[in-house]
Amino acid sequence: MKSPNPPLSRKPEERIKFKYLVQMLVWAKRKTGRPSSEIVGVILKKGRFEVDRALIASL
């Protein structure tokens, strides 16, 4: 019988972006002491360029 939710396979670029996003979240939380939800909102709003730039730099 097949599983109703097959495992997801991610592209290497997606994994790198996610890893960088989590690192950015942890760093910002330590630095500012603000709630994670607020930091994630800022990252998603203003940080997309930063995440993409970090991806290119890491390759």
Protein backbone atom coordinates (compact mmCIF):
# COMPACT_ATOMS: atom_id res chain seq x y z
CA MET A 1 0.00 0.00 0.00
CA LYS A 2 1.32 3.42 -0.94
CA SER A 3 1.82 6.12 1.63
CA PRO A 4 -0.73 8.96 1.31
CA ASN A 5 2.08 11.51 1.73
CA PRO A 6 5.13 10.54 -0.31
CA PRO A 7 8.46 12.00 0.89
CA LEU A 8 9.37 15.31 -0.69
CA SER A 9 12.59 15.67 -2.59
CA ARG A 10 14.03 19.13 -2.65
CA LYS A 11 16.44 20.72 -5.07
CA PRO A 12 19.89 21.54 -3.68
CA GLU A 13 19.19 25.26 -4.19
CA GLU A 14 16.07 25.02 -2.02
CA ARG A 15 18.03 23.28 0.73
CA ILE A 16 20.71 25.96 0.66
CA LYS A 17 18.13 28.76 0.78
CA PHE A 18 16.33 27.15 3.71
CA LYS A 19 19.57 26.59 5.62
CA TYR A 20 20.57 30.22 5.11
CA LEU A 21 17.10 31.41 6.12
CA VAL A 22 17.25 29.47 9.40
CA GLN A 23 20.77 30.76 10.11
CA MET A 24 19.60 34.32 9.46
CA LEU A 25 16.62 33.80 11.79
CA VAL A 26 18.77 32.45 14.64
CA TRP A 27 21.34 35.23 14.24
CA ALA A 28 18.69 37.97 14.18
CA LYS A 29 16.86 36.50 17.17
CA ARG A 30 20.05 36.43 19.24
CA LYS A 31 21.07 39.91 18.12
CA THR A 32 17.72 41.67 18.62
CA GLY A 33 15.83 39.51 21.12
CA ARG A 34 12.64 40.00 19.09
CA PRO A 35 10.06 37.24 18.53
CA SER A 36 10.71 34.78 15.71
CA SER A 37 7.44 35.65 13.97
CA GLU A 38 8.46 39.30 13.65
CA ILE A 39 11.89 38.39 12.31
CA VAL A 40 10.41 35.95 9.79
CA GLY A 41 8.03 38.66 8.57
CA VAL A 42 10.92 41.05 7.98
CA ILE A 43 13.02 38.38 6.29
CA LEU A 44 10.18 37.43 3.97
CA LYS A 45 9.36 41.04 3.20
CA LYS A 46 12.83 42.52 2.81
CA GLY A 47 15.23 39.61 2.87
CA ARG A 48 14.40 37.73 -0.31
CA PHE A 49 17.17 39.52 -2.17
CA GLU A 50 19.58 38.73 0.67
CA VAL A 51 18.67 35.04 0.61
CA ASP A 52 19.12 34.87 -3.16
CA ARG A 53 22.43 36.73 -2.92
CA ALA A 54 23.70 34.33 -0.25
CA LEU A 55 22.75 31.39 -2.44
CA ILE A 56 24.87 32.71 -5.30
CA ALA A 57 27.80 33.41 -2.94
CA SER A 58 27.69 29.89 -1.51
CA LEU A 59 27.86 28.18 -4.90
